[in-house]
Amino acid sequence: MTDGEYSWVKQYLIQQVFDLENRNIVLAGVNVDIDVQKRTEEALRIAKESAESSDRLKSAFLTNMSHEIRTPLNAIVGFSNLLINADNKDDFDSFK
């Protein structure tokens, strides 16, 4: 901890000597500062969640727009088929 802030540190320890008579253990170790790596991992996690959220919103938008476009097109196609297949075209003069 420096200046009241915590930082990530990874420790590697190796037992070099274990003296049973004197009850001494000698350890050799190295501390590695991995604070930058952990901050990068957190930033990547946040970016991933944001991208997934954007993808869900895009999918919902496309689903809604597809429905909103398809519904009136179905009506247009249906009425067009009625006009094409009508036996008596004079019946549709009242729609003018």
PDB file of N, CA and C in Angstrom:
ATOM      1  N   MET A   1       0.857  -1.162   0.000  1.00  0.00           N
ATOM      2  CA  MET A   1       0.000   0.000   0.000  1.00  0.00           C
ATOM      3  C   MET A   1       0.903   1.226   0.000  1.00  0.00           C
ATOM      4  N   THR A   2       0.675   2.096  -0.954  1.00  0.00           N
ATOM      5  CA  THR A   2       1.413   3.359  -1.018  1.00  0.00           C
ATOM      6  C   THR A   2       0.416   4.496  -1.055  1.00  0.00           C
ATOM      7  N   ASP A   3       0.654   5.505  -0.272  1.00  0.00           N
ATOM      8  CA  ASP A   3      -0.218   6.682  -0.221  1.00  0.00           C
ATOM      9  C   ASP A   3      -1.667   6.313   0.103  1.00  0.00           C
ATOM     10  N   GLY A   4      -1.856   5.292   0.913  1.00  0.00           N
ATOM     11  CA  GLY A   4      -3.205   4.911   1.315  1.00  0.00           C
ATOM     12  C   GLY A   4      -3.961   4.097   0.289  1.00  0.00           C
ATOM     13  N   GLU A   5      -3.336   3.747  -0.822  1.00  0.00           N
ATOM     14  CA  GLU A   5      -3.993   2.940  -1.858  1.00  0.00           C
ATOM     15  C   GLU A   5      -3.375   1.550  -1.891  1.00  0.00           C
ATOM     16  N   TYR A   6      -4.215   0.562  -2.105  1.00  0.00           N
ATOM     17  CA  TYR A   6      -3.745  -0.805  -2.216  1.00  0.00           C
ATOM     18  C   TYR A   6      -3.257  -1.060  -3.630  1.00  0.00           C
ATOM     19  N   SER A   7      -2.323  -1.990  -3.746  1.00  0.00           N
ATOM     20  CA  SER A   7      -1.876  -2.411  -5.067  1.00  0.00           C
ATOM     21  C   SER A   7      -1.735  -3.930  -5.064  1.00  0.00           C
ATOM     22  N   TRP A   8      -1.838  -4.520  -6.244  1.00  0.00           N
ATOM     23  CA  TRP A   8      -1.752  -5.963  -6.410  1.00  0.00           C
ATOM     24  C   TRP A   8      -0.278  -6.376  -6.455  1.00  0.00           C
ATOM     25  N   VAL A   9       0.053  -7.404  -5.670  1.00  0.00           N
ATOM     26  CA  VAL A   9       1.414  -7.947  -5.641  1.00  0.00           C
ATOM     27  C   VAL A   9       1.306  -9.471  -5.657  1.00  0.00           C
ATOM     28  N   LYS A  10       2.129 -10.092  -6.479  1.00  0.00           N
ATOM     29  CA  LYS A  10       2.187 -11.548  -6.518  1.00  0.00           C
ATOM     30  C   LYS A  10       3.498 -11.983  -5.878  1.00  0.00           C
ATOM     31  N   GLN A  11       3.426 -12.990  -5.000  1.00  0.00           N
ATOM     32  CA  GLN A  11       4.619 -13.448  -4.302  1.00  0.00           C
ATOM     33  C   GLN A  11       5.005 -14.847  -4.768  1.00  0.00           C
ATOM     34  N   TYR A  12       6.297 -15.029  -4.976  1.00  0.00           N
ATOM     35  CA  TYR A  12       6.861 -16.336  -5.274  1.00  0.00           C
ATOM     36  C   TYR A  12       7.838 -16.659  -4.145  1.00  0.00           C
ATOM     37  N   LEU A  13       7.600 -17.748  -3.423  1.00  0.00           N
ATOM     38  CA  LEU A  13       8.455 -18.141  -2.310  1.00  0.00           C
ATOM     39  C   LEU A  13       9.009 -19.537  -2.536  1.00  0.00           C
ATOM     40  N   ILE A  14      10.279 -19.714  -2.144  1.00  0.00           N
ATOM     41  CA  ILE A  14      10.930 -21.012  -2.223  1.00  0.00           C
ATOM     42  C   ILE A  14      11.582 -21.279  -0.870  1.00  0.00           C
ATOM     43  N   GLN A  15      11.341 -22.454  -0.362  1.00  0.00           N
ATOM     44  CA  GLN A  15      11.993 -22.832   0.891  1.00  0.00           C
ATOM     45  C   GLN A  15      13.393 -23.313   0.546  1.00  0.00           C
ATOM     46  N   GLN A  16      14.381 -22.625   1.054  1.00  0.00           N
ATOM     47  CA  GLN A  16      15.757 -23.011   0.755  1.00  0.00           C
ATOM     48  C   GLN A  16      16.334 -23.954   1.810  1.00  0.00           C
ATOM     49  N   VAL A  17      16.089 -23.645   3.065  1.00  0.00           N
ATOM     50  CA  VAL A  17      16.669 -24.453   4.145  1.00  0.00           C
ATOM     51  C   VAL A  17      15.601 -24.700   5.203  1.00  0.00           C
ATOM     52  N   PHE A  18      15.566 -25.924   5.667  1.00  0.00           N
ATOM     53  CA  PHE A  18      14.709 -26.250   6.801  1.00  0.00           C
ATOM     54  C   PHE A  18      15.600 -26.938   7.831  1.00  0.00           C
ATOM     55  N   ASP A  19      15.977 -26.192   8.857  1.00  0.00           N
ATOM     56  CA  ASP A  19      16.887 -26.694   9.893  1.00  0.00           C
ATOM     57  C   ASP A  19      16.050 -27.140  11.078  1.00  0.00           C
ATOM     58  N   LEU A  20      15.850 -28.441  11.185  1.00  0.00           N
ATOM     59  CA  LEU A  20      14.983 -28.979  12.232  1.00  0.00           C
ATOM     60  C   LEU A  20      15.603 -28.797  13.623  1.00  0.00           C
ATOM     61  N   GLU A  21      16.947 -28.880  13.707  1.00  0.00           N
ATOM     62  CA  GLU A  21      17.611 -28.733  15.009  1.00  0.00           C
ATOM     63  C   GLU A  21      17.389 -27.347  15.602  1.00  0.00           C
ATOM     64  N   ASN A  22      17.627 -26.342  14.802  1.00  0.00           N
ATOM     65  CA  ASN A  22      17.520 -24.966  15.305  1.00  0.00           C
ATOM     66  C   ASN A  22      16.135 -24.364  15.079  1.00  0.00           C
ATOM     67  N   ARG A  23      15.264 -25.142  14.443  1.00  0.00           N
ATOM     68  CA  ARG A  23      13.890 -24.708  14.141  1.00  0.00           C
ATOM     69  C   ARG A  23      13.893 -23.439  13.289  1.00  0.00           C
ATOM     70  N   ASN A  24      14.778 -23.432  12.308  1.00  0.00           N
ATOM     71  CA  ASN A  24      14.875 -22.303  11.373  1.00  0.00           C
ATOM     72  C   ASN A  24      14.400 -22.722   9.991  1.00  0.00           C
ATOM     73  N   ILE A  25      13.737 -21.828   9.352  1.00  0.00           N
ATOM     74  CA  ILE A  25      13.339 -21.998   7.956  1.00  0.00           C
ATOM     75  C   ILE A  25      13.858 -20.790   7.206  1.00  0.00           C
ATOM     76  N   VAL A  26      14.564 -21.042   6.125  1.00  0.00           N
ATOM     77  CA  VAL A  26      15.052 -19.949   5.292  1.00  0.00           C
ATOM     78  C   VAL A  26      14.245 -19.969   3.998  1.00  0.00           C
ATOM     79  N   LEU A  27      13.633 -18.852   3.711  1.00  0.00           N
ATOM     80  CA  LEU A  27      12.823 -18.716   2.502  1.00  0.00           C
ATOM     81  C   LEU A  27      13.461 -17.676   1.587  1.00  0.00           C
ATOM     82  N   ALA A  28      13.396 -17.944   0.316  1.00  0.00           N
ATOM     83  CA  ALA A  28      13.806 -16.949  -0.679  1.00  0.00           C
ATOM     84  C   ALA A  28      12.556 -16.574  -1.457  1.00  0.00           C
ATOM     85  N   GLY A  29      12.378 -15.313  -1.707  1.00  0.00           N
ATOM     86  CA  GLY A  29      11.160 -14.908  -2.383  1.00  0.00           C
ATOM     87  C   GLY A  29      11.327 -13.683  -3.236  1.00  0.00           C
ATOM     88  N   VAL A  30      10.346 -13.520  -4.087  1.00  0.00           N
ATOM     89  CA  VAL A  30      10.299 -12.363  -4.978  1.00  0.00           C
ATOM     90  C   VAL A  30       8.876 -11.831  -4.962  1.00  0.00           C
ATOM     91  N   ASN A  31       8.729 -10.540  -4.840  1.00  0.00           N
ATOM     92  CA  ASN A  31       7.436  -9.877  -4.975  1.00  0.00           C
ATOM     93  C   ASN A  31       7.373  -9.216  -6.349  1.00  0.00           C
ATOM     94  N   VAL A  32       6.285  -9.462  -7.060  1.00  0.00           N
ATOM     95  CA  VAL A  32       6.112  -8.883  -8.389  1.00  0.00           C
ATOM     96  C   VAL A  32       4.877  -7.989  -8.361  1.00  0.00           C
ATOM     97  N   ASP A  33       5.040  -6.748  -8.770  1.00  0.00           N
ATOM     98  CA  ASP A  33       3.922  -5.806  -8.828  1.00  0.00           C
ATOM     99  C   ASP A  33       3.083  -6.118 -10.062  1.00  0.00           C
ATOM    100  N   ILE A  34       1.838  -6.559  -9.846  1.00  0.00           N
ATOM    101  CA  ILE A  34       0.937  -6.885 -10.964  1.00  0.00           C
ATOM    102  C   ILE A  34      -0.265  -5.936 -10.968  1.00  0.00           C
ATOM    103  N   ASP A  35      -0.093  -4.770 -10.394  1.00  0.00           N
ATOM    104  CA  ASP A  35      -1.179  -3.797 -10.299  1.00  0.00           C
ATOM    105  C   ASP A  35      -1.670  -3.362 -11.679  1.00  0.00           C
ATOM    106  N   VAL A  36      -0.746  -3.089 -12.599  1.00  0.00           N
ATOM    107  CA  VAL A  36      -1.135  -2.657 -13.950  1.00  0.00           C
ATOM    108  C   VAL A  36      -1.925  -3.762 -14.648  1.00  0.00           C
ATOM    109  N   GLN A  37      -1.479  -5.011 -14.486  1.00  0.00           N
ATOM    110  CA  GLN A  37      -2.180  -6.143 -15.099  1.00  0.00           C
ATOM    111  C   GLN A  37      -3.603  -6.254 -14.564  1.00  0.00           C
ATOM    112  N   LYS A  38      -3.774  -6.128 -13.257  1.00  0.00           N
ATOM    113  CA  LYS A  38      -5.111  -6.238 -12.657  1.00  0.00           C
ATOM    114  C   LYS A  38      -6.023  -5.089 -13.089  1.00  0.00           C
ATOM    115  N   ARG A  39      -5.477  -3.897 -13.193  1.00  0.00           N
ATOM    116  CA  ARG A  39      -6.284  -2.755 -13.657  1.00  0.00           C
ATOM    117  C   ARG A  39      -6.699  -2.948 -15.116  1.00  0.00           C
ATOM    118  N   THR A  40      -5.799  -3.491 -15.921  1.00  0.00           N
ATOM    119  CA  THR A  40      -6.114  -3.775 -17.325  1.00  0.00           C
ATOM    120  C   THR A  40      -7.196  -4.844 -17.427  1.00  0.00           C
ATOM    121  N   GLU A  41      -7.085  -5.896 -16.607  1.00  0.00           N
ATOM    122  CA  GLU A  41      -8.108  -6.945 -16.595  1.00  0.00           C
ATOM    123  C   GLU A  41      -9.481  -6.373 -16.244  1.00  0.00           C
ATOM    124  N   GLU A  42      -9.522  -5.485 -15.266  1.00  0.00           N
ATOM    125  CA  GLU A  42     -10.797  -4.869 -14.857  1.00  0.00           C
ATOM    126  C   GLU A  42     -11.368  -4.003 -15.978  1.00  0.00           C
ATOM    127  N   ALA A  43     -10.502  -3.241 -16.641  1.00  0.00           N
ATOM    128  CA  ALA A  43     -10.963  -2.400 -17.755  1.00  0.00           C
ATOM    129  C   ALA A  43     -11.500  -3.274 -18.886  1.00  0.00           C
ATOM    130  N   LEU A  44     -10.844  -4.397 -19.166  1.00  0.00           N
ATOM    131  CA  LEU A  44     -11.316  -5.311 -20.211  1.00  0.00           C
ATOM    132  C   LEU A  44     -12.650  -5.951 -19.832  1.00  0.00           C
ATOM    133  N   ARG A  45     -12.816  -6.300 -18.550  1.00  0.00           N
ATOM    134  CA  ARG A  45     -14.091  -6.876 -18.100  1.00  0.00           C
ATOM    135  C   ARG A  45     -15.233  -5.883 -18.274  1.00  0.00           C
ATOM    136  N   ILE A  46     -14.980  -4.631 -17.916  1.00  0.00           N
ATOM    137  CA  ILE A  46     -16.009  -3.591 -18.064  1.00  0.00           C
ATOM    138  C   ILE A  46     -16.333  -3.366 -19.537  1.00  0.00           C
ATOM    139  N   ALA A  47     -15.308  -3.340 -20.399  1.00  0.00           N
ATOM    140  CA  ALA A  47     -15.534  -3.152 -21.839  1.00  0.00           C
ATOM    141  C   ALA A  47     -16.316  -4.321 -22.418  1.00  0.00           C
ATOM    142  N   LYS A  48     -16.028  -5.540 -21.966  1.00  0.00           N
ATOM    143  CA  LYS A  48     -16.751  -6.733 -22.443  1.00  0.00           C
ATOM    144  C   LYS A  48     -18.223  -6.656 -22.053  1.00  0.00           C
ATOM    145  N   GLU A  49     -18.492  -6.290 -20.797  1.00  0.00           N
ATOM    146  CA  GLU A  49     -19.882  -6.162 -20.349  1.00  0.00           C
ATOM    147  C   GLU A  49     -20.618  -5.082 -21.135  1.00  0.00           C
ATOM    148  N   SER A  50     -19.940  -3.992 -21.423  1.00  0.00           N
ATOM    149  CA  SER A  50     -20.545  -2.916 -22.206  1.00  0.00           C
ATOM    150  C   SER A  50     -20.860  -3.388 -23.628  1.00  0.00           C
ATOM    151  N   ALA A  51     -19.941  -4.124 -24.235  1.00  0.00           N
ATOM    152  CA  ALA A  51     -20.167  -4.639 -25.591  1.00  0.00           C
ATOM    153  C   ALA A  51     -21.321  -5.638 -25.612  1.00  0.00           C
ATOM    154  N   GLU A  52     -21.395  -6.501 -24.599  1.00  0.00           N
ATOM    155  CA  GLU A  52     -22.502  -7.461 -24.529  1.00  0.00           C
ATOM    156  C   GLU A  52     -23.831  -6.748 -24.351  1.00  0.00           C
ATOM    157  N   SER A  53     -23.856  -5.699 -23.545  1.00  0.00           N
ATOM    158  CA  SER A  53     -25.080  -4.924 -23.350  1.00  0.00           C
ATOM    159  C   SER A  53     -25.502  -4.247 -24.652  1.00  0.00           C
ATOM    160  N   SER A  54     -24.536  -3.681 -25.369  1.00  0.00           N
ATOM    161  CA  SER A  54     -24.831  -3.041 -26.655  1.00  0.00           C
ATOM    162  C   SER A  54     -25.376  -4.051 -27.649  1.00  0.00           C
ATOM    163  N   ASP A  55     -24.825  -5.264 -27.635  1.00  0.00           N
ATOM    164  CA  ASP A  55     -25.293  -6.307 -28.548  1.00  0.00           C
ATOM    165  C   ASP A  55     -26.732  -6.697 -28.236  1.00  0.00           C
ATOM    166  N   ARG A  56     -27.066  -6.807 -26.937  1.00  0.00           N
ATOM    167  CA  ARG A  56     -28.449  -7.129 -26.558  1.00  0.00           C
ATOM    168  C   ARG A  56     -29.404  -6.018 -26.995  1.00  0.00           C
ATOM    169  N   LEU A  57     -29.006  -4.754 -26.805  1.00  0.00           N
ATOM    170  CA  LEU A  57     -29.857  -3.634 -27.211  1.00  0.00           C
ATOM    171  C   LEU A  57     -30.039  -3.610 -28.733  1.00  0.00           C
ATOM    172  N   LYS A  58     -28.963  -3.880 -29.477  1.00  0.00           N
ATOM    173  CA  LYS A  58     -29.049  -3.906 -30.941  1.00  0.00           C
ATOM    174  C   LYS A  58     -30.004  -5.006 -31.397  1.00  0.00           C
ATOM    175  N   SER A  59     -29.900  -6.183 -30.782  1.00  0.00           N
ATOM    176  CA  SER A  59     -30.777  -7.295 -31.152  1.00  0.00           C
ATOM    177  C   SER A  59     -32.235  -6.966 -30.864  1.00  0.00           C
ATOM    178  N   ALA A  60     -32.494  -6.347 -29.707  1.00  0.00           N
ATOM    179  CA  ALA A  60     -33.870  -5.971 -29.365  1.00  0.00           C
ATOM    180  C   ALA A  60     -34.401  -4.932 -30.349  1.00  0.00           C
ATOM    181  N   PHE A  61     -33.561  -3.964 -30.727  1.00  0.00           N
ATOM    182  CA  PHE A  61     -33.971  -2.942 -31.683  1.00  0.00           C
ATOM    183  C   PHE A  61     -34.306  -3.565 -33.039  1.00  0.00           C
ATOM    184  N   LEU A  62     -33.433  -4.460 -33.525  1.00  0.00           N
ATOM    185  CA  LEU A  62     -33.683  -5.092 -34.824  1.00  0.00           C
ATOM    186  C   LEU A  62     -34.932  -5.964 -34.799  1.00  0.00           C
ATOM    187  N   THR A  63     -35.161  -6.642 -33.687  1.00  0.00           N
ATOM    188  CA  THR A  63     -36.377  -7.459 -33.564  1.00  0.00           C
ATOM    189  C   THR A  63     -37.622  -6.577 -33.642  1.00  0.00           C
ATOM    190  N   ASN A  64     -37.627  -5.468 -32.900  1.00  0.00           N
ATOM    191  CA  ASN A  64     -38.782  -4.568 -32.912  1.00  0.00           C
ATOM    192  C   ASN A  64     -38.981  -3.922 -34.279  1.00  0.00           C
ATOM    193  N   MET A  65     -37.891  -3.475 -34.905  1.00  0.00           N
ATOM    194  CA  MET A  65     -38.014  -2.834 -36.216  1.00  0.00           C
ATOM    195  C   MET A  65     -38.485  -3.824 -37.266  1.00  0.00           C
ATOM    196  N   SER A  66     -37.997  -5.043 -37.201  1.00  0.00           N
ATOM    197  CA  SER A  66     -38.437  -6.073 -38.147  1.00  0.00           C
ATOM    198  C   SER A  66     -39.941  -6.285 -38.034  1.00  0.00           C
ATOM    199  N   HIS A  67     -40.436  -6.349 -36.794  1.00  0.00           N
ATOM    200  CA  HIS A  67     -41.867  -6.528 -36.582  1.00  0.00           C
ATOM    201  C   HIS A  67     -42.647  -5.317 -37.098  1.00  0.00           C
ATOM    202  N   GLU A  68     -42.170  -4.119 -36.802  1.00  0.00           N
ATOM    203  CA  GLU A  68     -42.872  -2.901 -37.210  1.00  0.00           C
ATOM    204  C   GLU A  68     -42.902  -2.739 -38.726  1.00  0.00           C
ATOM    205  N   ILE A  69     -41.892  -3.206 -39.406  1.00  0.00           N
ATOM    206  CA  ILE A  69     -41.865  -3.114 -40.874  1.00  0.00           C
ATOM    207  C   ILE A  69     -42.679  -4.248 -41.495  1.00  0.00           C
ATOM    208  N   ARG A  70     -42.562  -5.444 -40.926  1.00  0.00           N
ATOM    209  CA  ARG A  70     -43.222  -6.624 -41.498  1.00  0.00           C
ATOM    210  C   ARG A  70     -44.744  -6.520 -41.425  1.00  0.00           C
ATOM    211  N   THR A  71     -45.279  -5.970 -40.354  1.00  0.00           N
ATOM    212  CA  THR A  71     -46.736  -5.914 -40.188  1.00  0.00           C
ATOM    213  C   THR A  71     -47.414  -5.097 -41.298  1.00  0.00           C
ATOM    214  N   PRO A  72     -46.990  -3.862 -41.585  1.00  0.00           N
ATOM    215  CA  PRO A  72     -47.643  -3.135 -42.671  1.00  0.00           C
ATOM    216  C   PRO A  72     -47.374  -3.759 -44.048  1.00  0.00           C
ATOM    217  N   LEU A  73     -46.199  -4.345 -44.230  1.00  0.00           N
ATOM    218  CA  LEU A  73     -45.910  -4.993 -45.517  1.00  0.00           C
ATOM    219  C   LEU A  73     -46.828  -6.182 -45.756  1.00  0.00           C
ATOM    220  N   ASN A  74     -47.125  -6.921 -44.699  1.00  0.00           N
ATOM    221  CA  ASN A  74     -48.065  -8.040 -44.842  1.00  0.00           C
ATOM    222  C   ASN A  74     -49.432  -7.538 -45.307  1.00  0.00           C
ATOM    223  N   ALA A  75     -49.874  -6.415 -44.766  1.00  0.00           N
ATOM    224  CA  ALA A  75     -51.168  -5.851 -45.182  1.00  0.00           C
ATOM    225  C   ALA A  75     -51.111  -5.413 -46.643  1.00  0.00           C
ATOM    226  N   ILE A  76     -50.027  -4.781 -47.055  1.00  0.00           N
ATOM    227  CA  ILE A  76     -49.884  -4.324 -48.444  1.00  0.00           C
ATOM    228  C   ILE A  76     -49.891  -5.507 -49.396  1.00  0.00           C
ATOM    229  N   VAL A  77     -49.145  -6.551 -49.046  1.00  0.00           N
ATOM    230  CA  VAL A  77     -49.090  -7.749 -49.896  1.00  0.00           C
ATOM    231  C   VAL A  77     -50.457  -8.410 -49.949  1.00  0.00           C
ATOM    232  N   GLY A  78     -51.133  -8.477 -48.812  1.00  0.00           N
ATOM    233  CA  GLY A  78     -52.467  -9.095 -48.780  1.00  0.00           C
ATOM    234  C   GLY A  78     -53.461  -8.354 -49.651  1.00  0.00           C
ATOM    235  N   PHE A  79     -53.514  -7.020 -49.544  1.00  0.00           N
ATOM    236  CA  PHE A  79     -54.445  -6.241 -50.371  1.00  0.00           C
ATOM    237  C   PHE A  79     -54.058  -6.298 -51.840  1.00  0.00           C
ATOM    238  N   SER A  80     -52.752  -6.347 -52.120  1.00  0.00           N
ATOM    239  CA  SER A  80     -52.309  -6.458 -53.516  1.00  0.00           C
ATOM    240  C   SER A  80     -52.780  -7.775 -54.116  1.00  0.00           C
ATOM    241  N   ASN A  81     -52.684  -8.841 -53.344  1.00  0.00           N
ATOM    242  CA  ASN A  81     -53.163 -10.145 -53.834  1.00  0.00           C
ATOM    243  C   ASN A  81     -54.673 -10.127 -54.061  1.00  0.00           C
ATOM    244  N   LEU A  82     -55.396  -9.438 -53.176  1.00  0.00           N
ATOM    245  CA  LEU A  82     -56.850  -9.329 -53.379  1.00  0.00           C
ATOM    246  C   LEU A  82     -57.155  -8.597 -54.685  1.00  0.00           C
ATOM    247  N   LEU A  83     -56.424  -7.514 -54.937  1.00  0.00           N
ATOM    248  CA  LEU A  83     -56.646  -6.752 -56.168  1.00  0.00           C
ATOM    249  C   LEU A  83     -56.319  -7.577 -57.407  1.00  0.00           C
ATOM    250  N   ILE A  84     -55.224  -8.317 -57.345  1.00  0.00           N
ATOM    251  CA  ILE A  84     -54.803  -9.115 -58.508  1.00  0.00           C
ATOM    252  C   ILE A  84     -55.779 -10.251 -58.767  1.00  0.00           C
ATOM    253  N   ASN A  85     -56.254 -10.888 -57.718  1.00  0.00           N
ATOM    254  CA  ASN A  85     -57.096 -12.082 -57.862  1.00  0.00           C
ATOM    255  C   ASN A  85     -58.591 -11.785 -57.859  1.00  0.00           C
ATOM    256  N   ALA A  86     -58.973 -10.526 -57.846  1.00  0.00           N
ATOM    257  CA  ALA A  86     -60.394 -10.181 -57.813  1.00  0.00           C
ATOM    258  C   ALA A  86     -61.048 -10.535 -59.145  1.00  0.00           C
ATOM    259  N   ASP A  87     -62.236 -11.140 -59.051  1.00  0.00           N
ATOM    260  CA  ASP A  87     -62.974 -11.503 -60.260  1.00  0.00           C
ATOM    261  C   ASP A  87     -63.591 -10.278 -60.917  1.00  0.00           C
ATOM    262  N   ASN A  88     -64.081  -9.399 -60.109  1.00  0.00           N
ATOM    263  CA  ASN A  88     -64.758  -8.229 -60.635  1.00  0.00           C
ATOM    264  C   ASN A  88     -64.004  -6.985 -60.158  1.00  0.00           C
ATOM    265  N   LYS A  89     -63.271  -6.376 -61.059  1.00  0.00           N
ATOM    266  CA  LYS A  89     -62.477  -5.203 -60.717  1.00  0.00           C
ATOM    267  C   LYS A  89     -63.358  -3.999 -60.371  1.00  0.00           C
ATOM    268  N   ASP A  90     -64.601  -3.995 -60.799  1.00  0.00           N
ATOM    269  CA  ASP A  90     -65.508  -2.891 -60.510  1.00  0.00           C
ATOM    270  C   ASP A  90     -65.848  -2.803 -59.020  1.00  0.00           C
ATOM    271  N   ASP A  91     -65.707  -3.919 -58.300  1.00  0.00           N
ATOM    272  CA  ASP A  91     -65.996  -3.897 -56.861  1.00  0.00           C
ATOM    273  C   ASP A  91     -65.058  -2.969 -56.105  1.00  0.00           C
ATOM    274  N   PHE A  92     -63.879  -2.710 -56.666  1.00  0.00           N
ATOM    275  CA  PHE A  92     -62.889  -1.899 -55.972  1.00  0.00           C
ATOM    276  C   PHE A  92     -62.946  -0.421 -56.358  1.00  0.00           C
ATOM    277  N   ASP A  93     -63.876  -0.061 -57.239  1.00  0.00           N
ATOM    278  CA  ASP A  93     -63.995   1.343 -57.622  1.00  0.00           C
ATOM    279  C   ASP A  93     -64.470   2.202 -56.436  1.00  0.00           C
ATOM    280  N   SER A  94     -65.147   1.591 -55.495  1.00  0.00           N
ATOM    281  CA  SER A  94     -65.646   2.361 -54.351  1.00  0.00           C
ATOM    282  C   SER A  94     -64.508   2.768 -53.409  1.00  0.00           C
ATOM    283  N   PHE A  95     -63.336   2.167 -53.535  1.00  0.00           N
ATOM    284  CA  PHE A  95     -62.198   2.515 -52.687  1.00  0.00           C
ATOM    285  C   PHE A  95     -61.443   3.741 -53.206  1.00  0.00           C
ATOM    286  N   LYS A  96     -61.775   4.193 -54.378  1.00  0.00           N
ATOM    287  CA  LYS A  96     -61.060   5.332 -54.979  1.00  0.00           C
ATOM    288  C   LYS A  96     -61.447   6.617 -54.326  1.00  0.00           C
TER     289      LYS A  96
END
